Structures are given as C-alpha cells and as structure tokens.
Amino acid sequence: MAKGDKDTSKDDDNNAVEIVFFKSDSCAFCPRAEEVITDMMEDFGESALKLTIINVSENPETAEDYGVFALPTTMIGGVSVTGIPEPEILMKMILGSKISSRRGVFSE
C-alpha cells in the first residue's frame, strides 16, 4: 500500500468484500461520501467489509492505475461509482461482489 493510503479493516478475512474509496484533501464531497460508506460498513459488521482509502492528493499515480479521474469514487468488486454514493447502490454493489466471488468458488 502506498504512503498516504490507509487500510481501515480490522480483520484480513478473505471473505470480506473490499471497498476502495478514492478521496482528496480538497474534495468538498469526499467527507460525506466517506461517512455514507462507514455507515454502511457498520450495518454489515466489521468482518464482512474491508475499506481501503486512497488519498489521491498524496498518491495521484494510484488513482491513475485504477482509472479514477473524478472524486469521490467508490470501487467495489471492479464496479465504481463517482460522487456521494446512495446507500442502496452501495448495498447492491456489495451484494453483487459477494455473489460474483461465490460463483468463482462453485464453478471450479
């Protein structure tokens, strides 16, 4: 993980869905978007989700590597949403990621 990025997961459980959140120090909407994400994480419980926060003010190359050019951006299971995410959209992204990961297990 690059300097300035932080991983807020409490548990490195392989079954946890990873949420990657891109923000910057100058982004007016990023604090509210992060609040929506952390509220959603509380609903799921600590071990179900893993949050990685990437501050593009400190690591612009990381955002480029992910193809992120607008902030805030939330990425779950390869699907991204820009702006303040609606809780319902986050829920669908999380559940979709869980279903996709289970299909991989059953199809082997």
PDB file of N, CA and C in Angstrom:
ATOM      1  N   MET A   1       0.857  -1.173   0.000  1.00  0.00           N
ATOM      2  CA  MET A   1       0.000   0.000   0.000  1.00  0.00           C
ATOM      3  C   MET A   1       0.899   1.230   0.000  1.00  0.00           C
ATOM      4  N   ALA A   2       0.591   2.220  -0.804  1.00  0.00           N
ATOM      5  CA  ALA A   2       1.419   3.413  -0.935  1.00  0.00           C
ATOM      6  C   ALA A   2       1.276   4.323   0.273  1.00  0.00           C
ATOM      7  N   LYS A   3       2.275   5.175   0.467  1.00  0.00           N
ATOM      8  CA  LYS A   3       2.239   6.141   1.559  1.00  0.00           C
ATOM      9  C   LYS A   3       1.002   7.031   1.420  1.00  0.00           C
ATOM     10  N   GLY A   4       0.338   7.278   2.528  1.00  0.00           N
ATOM     11  CA  GLY A   4      -0.856   8.123   2.493  1.00  0.00           C
ATOM     12  C   GLY A   4      -2.141   7.347   2.307  1.00  0.00           C
ATOM     13  N   ASP A   5      -2.017   6.087   1.937  1.00  0.00           N
ATOM     14  CA  ASP A   5      -3.195   5.239   1.818  1.00  0.00           C
ATOM     15  C   ASP A   5      -3.386   4.560   3.161  1.00  0.00           C
ATOM     16  N   LYS A   6      -4.624   4.288   3.505  1.00  0.00           N
ATOM     17  CA  LYS A   6      -4.818   3.572   4.754  1.00  0.00           C
ATOM     18  C   LYS A   6      -5.847   2.495   4.580  1.00  0.00           C
ATOM     19  N   ASP A   7      -5.586   1.421   5.270  1.00  0.00           N
ATOM     20  CA  ASP A   7      -6.466   0.271   5.264  1.00  0.00           C
ATOM     21  C   ASP A   7      -7.138   0.267   6.624  1.00  0.00           C
ATOM     22  N   THR A   8      -8.460   0.445   6.645  1.00  0.00           N
ATOM     23  CA  THR A   8      -9.164   0.548   7.913  1.00  0.00           C
ATOM     24  C   THR A   8      -9.793  -0.762   8.339  1.00  0.00           C
ATOM     25  N   SER A   9      -9.448  -1.858   7.683  1.00  0.00           N
ATOM     26  CA  SER A   9     -10.035  -3.141   8.064  1.00  0.00           C
ATOM     27  C   SER A   9      -9.462  -3.594   9.393  1.00  0.00           C
ATOM     28  N   LYS A  10     -10.278  -4.241  10.169  1.00  0.00           N
ATOM     29  CA  LYS A  10      -9.841  -4.771  11.447  1.00  0.00           C
ATOM     30  C   LYS A  10      -9.416  -6.231  11.279  1.00  0.00           C
ATOM     31  N   ASP A  11      -9.830  -6.844  10.189  1.00  0.00           N
ATOM     32  CA  ASP A  11      -9.651  -8.271  10.005  1.00  0.00           C
ATOM     33  C   ASP A  11      -9.299  -8.527   8.545  1.00  0.00           C
ATOM     34  N   ASP A  12      -8.290  -9.324   8.290  1.00  0.00           N
ATOM     35  CA  ASP A  12      -7.912  -9.630   6.916  1.00  0.00           C
ATOM     36  C   ASP A  12      -8.630 -10.865   6.410  1.00  0.00           C
ATOM     37  N   ASP A  13      -9.871 -11.021   6.760  1.00  0.00           N
ATOM     38  CA  ASP A  13     -10.678 -12.161   6.353  1.00  0.00           C
ATOM     39  C   ASP A  13     -10.781 -12.195   4.836  1.00  0.00           C
ATOM     40  N   ASN A  14     -10.469 -13.350   4.242  1.00  0.00           N
ATOM     41  CA  ASN A  14     -10.504 -13.486   2.791  1.00  0.00           C
ATOM     42  C   ASN A  14     -11.914 -13.365   2.231  1.00  0.00           C
ATOM     43  N   ASN A  15     -12.934 -13.553   3.042  1.00  0.00           N
ATOM     44  CA  ASN A  15     -14.305 -13.457   2.577  1.00  0.00           C
ATOM     45  C   ASN A  15     -14.842 -12.039   2.622  1.00  0.00           C
ATOM     46  N   ALA A  16     -14.081 -11.114   3.157  1.00  0.00           N
ATOM     47  CA  ALA A  16     -14.532  -9.731   3.259  1.00  0.00           C
ATOM     48  C   ALA A  16     -14.556  -9.092   1.874  1.00  0.00           C
ATOM     49  N   VAL A  17     -15.577  -8.295   1.623  1.00  0.00           N
ATOM     50  CA  VAL A  17     -15.674  -7.539   0.380  1.00  0.00           C
ATOM     51  C   VAL A  17     -14.837  -6.277   0.541  1.00  0.00           C
ATOM     52  N   GLU A  18     -13.958  -6.028  -0.420  1.00  0.00           N
ATOM     53  CA  GLU A  18     -13.108  -4.845  -0.337  1.00  0.00           C
ATOM     54  C   GLU A  18     -13.793  -3.645  -0.987  1.00  0.00           C
ATOM     55  N   ILE A  19     -13.804  -2.557  -0.248  1.00  0.00           N
ATOM     56  CA  ILE A  19     -14.274  -1.271  -0.748  1.00  0.00           C
ATOM     57  C   ILE A  19     -13.045  -0.386  -0.870  1.00  0.00           C
ATOM     58  N   VAL A  20     -12.808   0.150  -2.061  1.00  0.00           N
ATOM     59  CA  VAL A  20     -11.701   1.069  -2.272  1.00  0.00           C
ATOM     60  C   VAL A  20     -12.313   2.451  -2.480  1.00  0.00           C
ATOM     61  N   PHE A  21     -11.937   3.386  -1.612  1.00  0.00           N
ATOM     62  CA  PHE A  21     -12.502   4.736  -1.642  1.00  0.00           C
ATOM     63  C   PHE A  21     -11.399   5.725  -1.994  1.00  0.00           C
ATOM     64  N   PHE A  22     -11.621   6.483  -3.057  1.00  0.00           N
ATOM     65  CA  PHE A  22     -10.665   7.485  -3.514  1.00  0.00           C
ATOM     66  C   PHE A  22     -11.162   8.862  -3.105  1.00  0.00           C
ATOM     67  N   LYS A  23     -10.273   9.624  -2.451  1.00  0.00           N
ATOM     68  CA  LYS A  23     -10.622  10.968  -1.999  1.00  0.00           C
ATOM     69  C   LYS A  23      -9.405  11.870  -2.148  1.00  0.00           C
ATOM     70  N   SER A  24      -9.639  13.169  -1.919  1.00  0.00           N
ATOM     71  CA  SER A  24      -8.520  14.104  -1.881  1.00  0.00           C
ATOM     72  C   SER A  24      -8.758  15.112  -0.771  1.00  0.00           C
ATOM     73  N   ASP A  25      -7.686  15.807  -0.416  1.00  0.00           N
ATOM     74  CA  ASP A  25      -7.773  16.802   0.653  1.00  0.00           C
ATOM     75  C   ASP A  25      -8.652  17.993   0.266  1.00  0.00           C
ATOM     76  N   SER A  26      -8.760  18.271  -1.026  1.00  0.00           N
ATOM     77  CA  SER A  26      -9.516  19.444  -1.478  1.00  0.00           C
ATOM     78  C   SER A  26     -10.931  19.121  -1.957  1.00  0.00           C
ATOM     79  N   CYS A  27     -11.331  17.885  -1.850  1.00  0.00           N
ATOM     80  CA  CYS A  27     -12.645  17.458  -2.336  1.00  0.00           C
ATOM     81  C   CYS A  27     -13.742  17.851  -1.342  1.00  0.00           C
ATOM     82  N   ALA A  28     -14.702  18.618  -1.806  1.00  0.00           N
ATOM     83  CA  ALA A  28     -15.788  19.078  -0.932  1.00  0.00           C
ATOM     84  C   ALA A  28     -16.788  17.970  -0.608  1.00  0.00           C
ATOM     85  N   PHE A  29     -16.943  16.999  -1.492  1.00  0.00           N
ATOM     86  CA  PHE A  29     -17.939  15.943  -1.304  1.00  0.00           C
ATOM     87  C   PHE A  29     -17.375  14.678  -0.668  1.00  0.00           C
ATOM     88  N   CYS A  30     -16.061  14.571  -0.596  1.00  0.00           N
ATOM     89  CA  CYS A  30     -15.421  13.357  -0.081  1.00  0.00           C
ATOM     90  C   CYS A  30     -15.769  13.032   1.372  1.00  0.00           C
ATOM     91  N   PRO A  31     -15.791  14.007   2.284  1.00  0.00           N
ATOM     92  CA  PRO A  31     -16.143  13.657   3.671  1.00  0.00           C
ATOM     93  C   PRO A  31     -17.531  13.029   3.796  1.00  0.00           C
ATOM     94  N   ARG A  32     -18.509  13.549   3.069  1.00  0.00           N
ATOM     95  CA  ARG A  32     -19.860  12.989   3.137  1.00  0.00           C
ATOM     96  C   ARG A  32     -19.897  11.599   2.510  1.00  0.00           C
ATOM     97  N   ALA A  33     -19.202  11.404   1.403  1.00  0.00           N
ATOM     98  CA  ALA A  33     -19.154  10.086   0.768  1.00  0.00           C
ATOM     99  C   ALA A  33     -18.521   9.067   1.709  1.00  0.00           C
ATOM    100  N   GLU A  34     -17.450   9.450   2.387  1.00  0.00           N
ATOM    101  CA  GLU A  34     -16.795   8.545   3.331  1.00  0.00           C
ATOM    102  C   GLU A  34     -17.727   8.207   4.494  1.00  0.00           C
ATOM    103  N   GLU A  35     -18.510   9.175   4.925  1.00  0.00           N
ATOM    104  CA  GLU A  35     -19.476   8.948   6.002  1.00  0.00           C
ATOM    105  C   GLU A  35     -20.539   7.924   5.585  1.00  0.00           C
ATOM    106  N   VAL A  36     -21.031   8.046   4.364  1.00  0.00           N
ATOM    107  CA  VAL A  36     -22.023   7.087   3.858  1.00  0.00           C
ATOM    108  C   VAL A  36     -21.428   5.676   3.844  1.00  0.00           C
ATOM    109  N   ILE A  37     -20.185   5.558   3.407  1.00  0.00           N
ATOM    110  CA  ILE A  37     -19.530   4.256   3.341  1.00  0.00           C
ATOM    111  C   ILE A  37     -19.343   3.663   4.734  1.00  0.00           C
ATOM    112  N   THR A  38     -18.848   4.461   5.663  1.00  0.00           N
ATOM    113  CA  THR A  38     -18.611   3.933   7.014  1.00  0.00           C
ATOM    114  C   THR A  38     -19.922   3.571   7.710  1.00  0.00           C
ATOM    115  N   ASP A  39     -20.977   4.323   7.444  1.00  0.00           N
ATOM    116  CA  ASP A  39     -22.299   3.952   7.990  1.00  0.00           C
ATOM    117  C   ASP A  39     -22.743   2.601   7.439  1.00  0.00           C
ATOM    118  N   MET A  40     -22.529   2.382   6.153  1.00  0.00           N
ATOM    119  CA  MET A  40     -22.901   1.117   5.525  1.00  0.00           C
ATOM    120  C   MET A  40     -22.085  -0.020   6.121  1.00  0.00           C
ATOM    121  N   MET A  41     -20.820   0.232   6.383  1.00  0.00           N
ATOM    122  CA  MET A  41     -19.959  -0.800   6.961  1.00  0.00           C
ATOM    123  C   MET A  41     -20.453  -1.215   8.345  1.00  0.00           C
ATOM    124  N   GLU A  42     -20.951  -0.271   9.117  1.00  0.00           N
ATOM    125  CA  GLU A  42     -21.499  -0.588  10.439  1.00  0.00           C
ATOM    126  C   GLU A  42     -22.702  -1.520  10.319  1.00  0.00           C
ATOM    127  N   ASP A  43     -23.504  -1.326   9.276  1.00  0.00           N
ATOM    128  CA  ASP A  43     -24.673  -2.180   9.059  1.00  0.00           C
ATOM    129  C   ASP A  43     -24.276  -3.622   8.756  1.00  0.00           C
ATOM    130  N   PHE A  44     -23.149  -3.816   8.067  1.00  0.00           N
ATOM    131  CA  PHE A  44     -22.707  -5.150   7.683  1.00  0.00           C
ATOM    132  C   PHE A  44     -21.893  -5.848   8.765  1.00  0.00           C
ATOM    133  N   GLY A  45     -21.262  -5.103   9.631  1.00  0.00           N
ATOM    134  CA  GLY A  45     -20.381  -5.696  10.636  1.00  0.00           C
ATOM    135  C   GLY A  45     -18.934  -5.608  10.198  1.00  0.00           C
ATOM    136  N   GLU A  46     -18.046  -5.623  11.171  1.00  0.00           N
ATOM    137  CA  GLU A  46     -16.626  -5.384  10.930  1.00  0.00           C
ATOM    138  C   GLU A  46     -15.961  -6.386   9.990  1.00  0.00           C
ATOM    139  N   SER A  47     -16.295  -7.658  10.094  1.00  0.00           N
ATOM    140  CA  SER A  47     -15.560  -8.668   9.326  1.00  0.00           C
ATOM    141  C   SER A  47     -16.086  -8.859   7.906  1.00  0.00           C
ATOM    142  N   ALA A  48     -17.232  -8.292   7.582  1.00  0.00           N
ATOM    143  CA  ALA A  48     -17.822  -8.505   6.257  1.00  0.00           C
ATOM    144  C   ALA A  48     -17.208  -7.622   5.180  1.00  0.00           C
ATOM    145  N   LEU A  49     -16.698  -6.451   5.581  1.00  0.00           N
ATOM    146  CA  LEU A  49     -16.185  -5.486   4.617  1.00  0.00           C
ATOM    147  C   LEU A  49     -14.793  -5.017   5.010  1.00  0.00           C
ATOM    148  N   LYS A  50     -14.001  -4.707   4.005  1.00  0.00           N
ATOM    149  CA  LYS A  50     -12.651  -4.176   4.206  1.00  0.00           C
ATOM    150  C   LYS A  50     -12.577  -2.859   3.443  1.00  0.00           C
ATOM    151  N   LEU A  51     -12.242  -1.774   4.127  1.00  0.00           N
ATOM    152  CA  LEU A  51     -12.166  -0.456   3.497  1.00  0.00           C
ATOM    153  C   LEU A  51     -10.720  -0.044   3.313  1.00  0.00           C
ATOM    154  N   THR A  52     -10.377   0.296   2.075  1.00  0.00           N
ATOM    155  CA  THR A  52      -9.080   0.863   1.749  1.00  0.00           C
ATOM    156  C   THR A  52      -9.325   2.269   1.237  1.00  0.00           C
ATOM    157  N   ILE A  53      -8.712   3.249   1.888  1.00  0.00           N
ATOM    158  CA  ILE A  53      -8.873   4.651   1.497  1.00  0.00           C
ATOM    159  C   ILE A  53      -7.602   5.102   0.800  1.00  0.00           C
ATOM    160  N   ILE A  54      -7.774   5.647  -0.394  1.00  0.00           N
ATOM    161  CA  ILE A  54      -6.643   6.152  -1.161  1.00  0.00           C
ATOM    162  C   ILE A  54      -6.805   7.657  -1.309  1.00  0.00           C
ATOM    163  N   ASN A  55      -5.877   8.390  -0.716  1.00  0.00           N
ATOM    164  CA  ASN A  55      -5.874   9.844  -0.805  1.00  0.00           C
ATOM    165  C   ASN A  55      -5.063  10.234  -2.034  1.00  0.00           C
ATOM    166  N   VAL A  56      -5.738  10.678  -3.082  1.00  0.00           N
ATOM    167  CA  VAL A  56      -5.059  10.981  -4.338  1.00  0.00           C
ATOM    168  C   VAL A  56      -4.264  12.269  -4.271  1.00  0.00           C
ATOM    169  N   SER A  57      -4.466  13.080  -3.227  1.00  0.00           N
ATOM    170  CA  SER A  57      -3.623  14.259  -3.036  1.00  0.00           C
ATOM    171  C   SER A  57      -2.184  13.825  -2.766  1.00  0.00           C
ATOM    172  N   GLU A  58      -2.059  12.688  -2.103  1.00  0.00           N
ATOM    173  CA  GLU A  58      -0.746  12.173  -1.759  1.00  0.00           C
ATOM    174  C   GLU A  58      -0.261  11.120  -2.744  1.00  0.00           C
ATOM    175  N   ASN A  59      -1.172  10.471  -3.451  1.00  0.00           N
ATOM    176  CA  ASN A  59      -0.831   9.382  -4.369  1.00  0.00           C
ATOM    177  C   ASN A  59      -1.616   9.462  -5.670  1.00  0.00           C
ATOM    178  N   PRO A  60      -1.371  10.475  -6.482  1.00  0.00           N
ATOM    179  CA  PRO A  60      -2.154  10.601  -7.725  1.00  0.00           C
ATOM    180  C   PRO A  60      -1.940   9.445  -8.691  1.00  0.00           C
ATOM    181  N   GLU A  61      -0.765   8.821  -8.659  1.00  0.00           N
ATOM    182  CA  GLU A  61      -0.489   7.721  -9.580  1.00  0.00           C
ATOM    183  C   GLU A  61      -1.351   6.499  -9.279  1.00  0.00           C
ATOM    184  N   THR A  62      -1.736   6.315  -8.022  1.00  0.00           N
ATOM    185  CA  THR A  62      -2.585   5.184  -7.659  1.00  0.00           C
ATOM    186  C   THR A  62      -3.964   5.320  -8.296  1.00  0.00           C
ATOM    187  N   ALA A  63      -4.516   6.531  -8.276  1.00  0.00           N
ATOM    188  CA  ALA A  63      -5.811   6.765  -8.918  1.00  0.00           C
ATOM    189  C   ALA A  63      -5.719   6.490 -10.416  1.00  0.00           C
ATOM    190  N   GLU A  64      -4.632   6.922 -11.041  1.00  0.00           N
ATOM    191  CA  GLU A  64      -4.443   6.670 -12.467  1.00  0.00           C
ATOM    192  C   GLU A  64      -4.367   5.175 -12.756  1.00  0.00           C
ATOM    193  N   ASP A  65      -3.691   4.442 -11.872  1.00  0.00           N
ATOM    194  CA  ASP A  65      -3.579   2.985 -12.057  1.00  0.00           C
ATOM    195  C   ASP A  65      -4.957   2.328 -12.059  1.00  0.00           C
ATOM    196  N   TYR A  66      -5.877   2.848 -11.252  1.00  0.00           N
ATOM    197  CA  TYR A  66      -7.239   2.310 -11.168  1.00  0.00           C
ATOM    198  C   TYR A  66      -8.174   2.935 -12.218  1.00  0.00           C
ATOM    199  N   GLY A  67      -7.695   3.930 -12.948  1.00  0.00           N
ATOM    200  CA  GLY A  67      -8.544   4.600 -13.937  1.00  0.00           C
ATOM    201  C   GLY A  67      -9.541   5.559 -13.315  1.00  0.00           C
ATOM    202  N   VAL A  68      -9.198   6.105 -12.151  1.00  0.00           N
ATOM    203  CA  VAL A  68     -10.079   7.036 -11.441  1.00  0.00           C
ATOM    204  C   VAL A  68      -9.630   8.461 -11.757  1.00  0.00           C
ATOM    205  N   PHE A  69     -10.553   9.258 -12.309  1.00  0.00           N
ATOM    206  CA  PHE A  69     -10.223  10.625 -12.685  1.00  0.00           C
ATOM    207  C   PHE A  69     -11.186  11.649 -12.094  1.00  0.00           C
ATOM    208  N   ALA A  70     -12.149  11.203 -11.294  1.00  0.00           N
ATOM    209  CA  ALA A  70     -13.102  12.099 -10.640  1.00  0.00           C
ATOM    210  C   ALA A  70     -13.281  11.632  -9.199  1.00  0.00           C
ATOM    211  N   LEU A  71     -13.561  12.574  -8.326  1.00  0.00           N
ATOM    212  CA  LEU A  71     -13.687  12.265  -6.901  1.00  0.00           C
ATOM    213  C   LEU A  71     -14.982  12.800  -6.330  1.00  0.00           C
ATOM    214  N   PRO A  72     -15.469  12.176  -5.285  1.00  0.00           N
ATOM    215  CA  PRO A  72     -15.042  10.918  -4.704  1.00  0.00           C
ATOM    216  C   PRO A  72     -15.469   9.747  -5.583  1.00  0.00           C
ATOM    217  N   THR A  73     -14.684   8.689  -5.550  1.00  0.00           N
ATOM    218  CA  THR A  73     -15.024   7.464  -6.268  1.00  0.00           C
ATOM    219  C   THR A  73     -14.950   6.288  -5.302  1.00  0.00           C
ATOM    220  N   THR A  74     -15.968   5.448  -5.363  1.00  0.00           N
ATOM    221  CA  THR A  74     -16.030   4.236  -4.549  1.00  0.00           C
ATOM    222  C   THR A  74     -16.024   3.046  -5.490  1.00  0.00           C
ATOM    223  N   MET A  75     -15.114   2.095  -5.239  1.00  0.00           N
ATOM    224  CA  MET A  75     -14.987   0.922  -6.096  1.00  0.00           C
ATOM    225  C   MET A  75     -15.203  -0.336  -5.253  1.00  0.00           C
ATOM    226  N   ILE A  76     -16.101  -1.194  -5.738  1.00  0.00           N
ATOM    227  CA  ILE A  76     -16.389  -2.457  -5.060  1.00  0.00           C
ATOM    228  C   ILE A  76     -16.484  -3.539  -6.126  1.00  0.00           C
ATOM    229  N   GLY A  77     -15.651  -4.532  -6.017  1.00  0.00           N
ATOM    230  CA  GLY A  77     -15.707  -5.656  -6.953  1.00  0.00           C
ATOM    231  C   GLY A  77     -15.542  -5.262  -8.405  1.00  0.00           C
ATOM    232  N   GLY A  78     -14.706  -4.278  -8.675  1.00  0.00           N
ATOM    233  CA  GLY A  78     -14.464  -3.848 -10.042  1.00  0.00           C
ATOM    234  C   GLY A  78     -15.498  -2.884 -10.596  1.00  0.00           C
ATOM    235  N   VAL A  79     -16.526  -2.577  -9.812  1.00  0.00           N
ATOM    236  CA  VAL A  79     -17.558  -1.625 -10.220  1.00  0.00           C
ATOM    237  C   VAL A  79     -17.336  -0.341  -9.426  1.00  0.00           C
ATOM    238  N   SER A  80     -17.420   0.802 -10.104  1.00  0.00           N
ATOM    239  CA  SER A  80     -17.187   2.053  -9.397  1.00  0.00           C
ATOM    240  C   SER A  80     -18.359   3.011  -9.564  1.00  0.00           C
ATOM    241  N   VAL A  81     -18.497   3.870  -8.564  1.00  0.00           N
ATOM    242  CA  VAL A  81     -19.494   4.926  -8.589  1.00  0.00           C
ATOM    243  C   VAL A  81     -18.790   6.213  -8.145  1.00  0.00           C
ATOM    244  N   THR A  82     -19.063   7.281  -8.871  1.00  0.00           N
ATOM    245  CA  THR A  82     -18.455   8.572  -8.562  1.00  0.00           C
ATOM    246  C   THR A  82     -19.495   9.474  -7.926  1.00  0.00           C
ATOM    247  N   GLY A  83     -19.063  10.247  -6.938  1.00  0.00           N
ATOM    248  CA  GLY A  83     -19.958  11.141  -6.214  1.00  0.00           C
ATOM    249  C   GLY A  83     -20.301  10.544  -4.865  1.00  0.00           C
ATOM    250  N   ILE A  84     -21.269  11.147  -4.205  1.00  0.00           N
ATOM    251  CA  ILE A  84     -21.722  10.630  -2.919  1.00  0.00           C
ATOM    252  C   ILE A  84     -22.626   9.439  -3.207  1.00  0.00           C
ATOM    253  N   PRO A  85     -22.206   8.247  -2.788  1.00  0.00           N
ATOM    254  CA  PRO A  85     -22.978   7.058  -3.150  1.00  0.00           C
ATOM    255  C   PRO A  85     -24.270   6.939  -2.347  1.00  0.00           C
ATOM    256  N   GLU A  86     -25.313   6.515  -3.018  1.00  0.00           N
ATOM    257  CA  GLU A  86     -26.569   6.219  -2.334  1.00  0.00           C
ATOM    258  C   GLU A  86     -26.388   4.895  -1.585  1.00  0.00           C
ATOM    259  N   PRO A  87     -26.882   4.797  -0.363  1.00  0.00           N
ATOM    260  CA  PRO A  87     -26.738   3.532   0.386  1.00  0.00           C
ATOM    261  C   PRO A  87     -27.274   2.322  -0.371  1.00  0.00           C
ATOM    262  N   GLU A  88     -28.360   2.499  -1.104  1.00  0.00           N
ATOM    263  CA  GLU A  88     -28.935   1.384  -1.858  1.00  0.00           C
ATOM    264  C   GLU A  88     -27.982   0.903  -2.951  1.00  0.00           C
ATOM    265  N   ILE A  89     -27.294   1.836  -3.586  1.00  0.00           N
ATOM    266  CA  ILE A  89     -26.330   1.479  -4.634  1.00  0.00           C
ATOM    267  C   ILE A  89     -25.153   0.726  -4.019  1.00  0.00           C
ATOM    268  N   LEU A  90     -24.655   1.209  -2.875  1.00  0.00           N
ATOM    269  CA  LEU A  90     -23.569   0.508  -2.193  1.00  0.00           C
ATOM    270  C   LEU A  90     -23.990  -0.906  -1.831  1.00  0.00           C
ATOM    271  N   MET A  91     -25.196  -1.051  -1.328  1.00  0.00           N
ATOM    272  CA  MET A  91     -25.710  -2.365  -0.942  1.00  0.00           C
ATOM    273  C   MET A  91     -25.713  -3.302  -2.152  1.00  0.00           C
ATOM    274  N   LYS A  92     -26.191  -2.826  -3.287  1.00  0.00           N
ATOM    275  CA  LYS A  92     -26.222  -3.649  -4.494  1.00  0.00           C
ATOM    276  C   LYS A  92     -24.813  -4.016  -4.957  1.00  0.00           C
ATOM    277  N   MET A  93     -23.889  -3.068  -4.855  1.00  0.00           N
ATOM    278  CA  MET A  93     -22.508  -3.335  -5.253  1.00  0.00           C
ATOM    279  C   MET A  93     -21.875  -4.383  -4.338  1.00  0.00           C
ATOM    280  N   ILE A  94     -22.124  -4.280  -3.044  1.00  0.00           N
ATOM    281  CA  ILE A  94     -21.567  -5.228  -2.076  1.00  0.00           C
ATOM    282  C   ILE A  94     -22.145  -6.622  -2.307  1.00  0.00           C
ATOM    283  N   LEU A  95     -23.460  -6.697  -2.432  1.00  0.00           N
ATOM    284  CA  LEU A  95     -24.103  -7.995  -2.655  1.00  0.00           C
ATOM    285  C   LEU A  95     -23.682  -8.598  -3.989  1.00  0.00           C
ATOM    286  N   GLY A  96     -23.567  -7.767  -5.010  1.00  0.00           N
ATOM    287  CA  GLY A  96     -23.110  -8.245  -6.313  1.00  0.00           C
ATOM    288  C   GLY A  96     -21.699  -8.801  -6.245  1.00  0.00           C
ATOM    289  N   SER A  97     -20.856  -8.143  -5.478  1.00  0.00           N
ATOM    290  CA  SER A  97     -19.486  -8.618  -5.315  1.00  0.00           C
ATOM    291  C   SER A  97     -19.457  -9.951  -4.583  1.00  0.00           C
ATOM    292  N   LYS A  98     -20.303 -10.096  -3.562  1.00  0.00           N
ATOM    293  CA  LYS A  98     -20.381 -11.360  -2.820  1.00  0.00           C
ATOM    294  C   LYS A  98     -20.843 -12.495  -3.726  1.00  0.00           C
ATOM    295  N   ILE A  99     -21.856 -12.229  -4.544  1.00  0.00           N
ATOM    296  CA  ILE A  99     -22.383 -13.249  -5.454  1.00  0.00           C
ATOM    297  C   ILE A  99     -21.314 -13.642  -6.475  1.00  0.00           C
ATOM    298  N   SER A 100     -20.617 -12.655  -7.022  1.00  0.00           N
ATOM    299  CA  SER A 100     -19.568 -12.939  -8.009  1.00  0.00           C
ATOM    300  C   SER A 100     -18.460 -13.782  -7.418  1.00  0.00           C
ATOM    301  N   SER A 101     -18.064 -13.483  -6.189  1.00  0.00           N
ATOM    302  CA  SER A 101     -16.977 -14.241  -5.571  1.00  0.00           C
ATOM    303  C   SER A 101     -17.415 -15.672  -5.269  1.00  0.00           C
ATOM    304  N   ARG A 102     -18.659 -15.870  -4.936  1.00  0.00           N
ATOM    305  CA  ARG A 102     -19.153 -17.226  -4.667  1.00  0.00           C
ATOM    306  C   ARG A 102     -19.265 -18.036  -5.943  1.00  0.00           C
ATOM    307  N   ARG A 103     -19.642 -17.391  -7.045  1.00  0.00           N
ATOM    308  CA  ARG A 103     -19.723 -18.113  -8.324  1.00  0.00           C
ATOM    309  C   ARG A 103     -18.367 -18.682  -8.690  1.00  0.00           C
ATOM    310  N   GLY A 104     -17.316 -17.916  -8.422  1.00  0.00           N
ATOM    311  CA  GLY A 104     -15.965 -18.384  -8.717  1.00  0.00           C
ATOM    312  C   GLY A 104     -15.625 -19.633  -7.933  1.00  0.00           C
ATOM    313  N   VAL A 105     -16.084 -19.708  -6.712  1.00  0.00           N
ATOM    314  CA  VAL A 105     -15.823 -20.873  -5.862  1.00  0.00           C
ATOM    315  C   VAL A 105     -16.579 -22.083  -6.374  1.00  0.00           C
ATOM    316  N   PHE A 106     -17.823 -21.907  -6.765  1.00  0.00           N
ATOM    317  CA  PHE A 106     -18.661 -23.032  -7.186  1.00  0.00           C
ATOM    318  C   PHE A 106     -18.344 -23.502  -8.609  1.00  0.00           C
ATOM    319  N   SER A 107     -17.774 -22.655  -9.426  1.00  0.00           N
ATOM    320  CA  SER A 107     -17.557 -23.039 -10.824  1.00  0.00           C
ATOM    321  C   SER A 107     -16.238 -23.786 -11.038  1.00  0.00           C
ATOM    322  N   GLU A 108     -15.429 -23.902 -10.007  1.00  0.00           N
ATOM    323  CA  GLU A 108     -14.140 -24.576 -10.166  1.00  0.00           C
ATOM    324  C   GLU A 108     -14.280 -26.076 -10.130  1.00  0.00           C
TER     325      GLU A 108
END
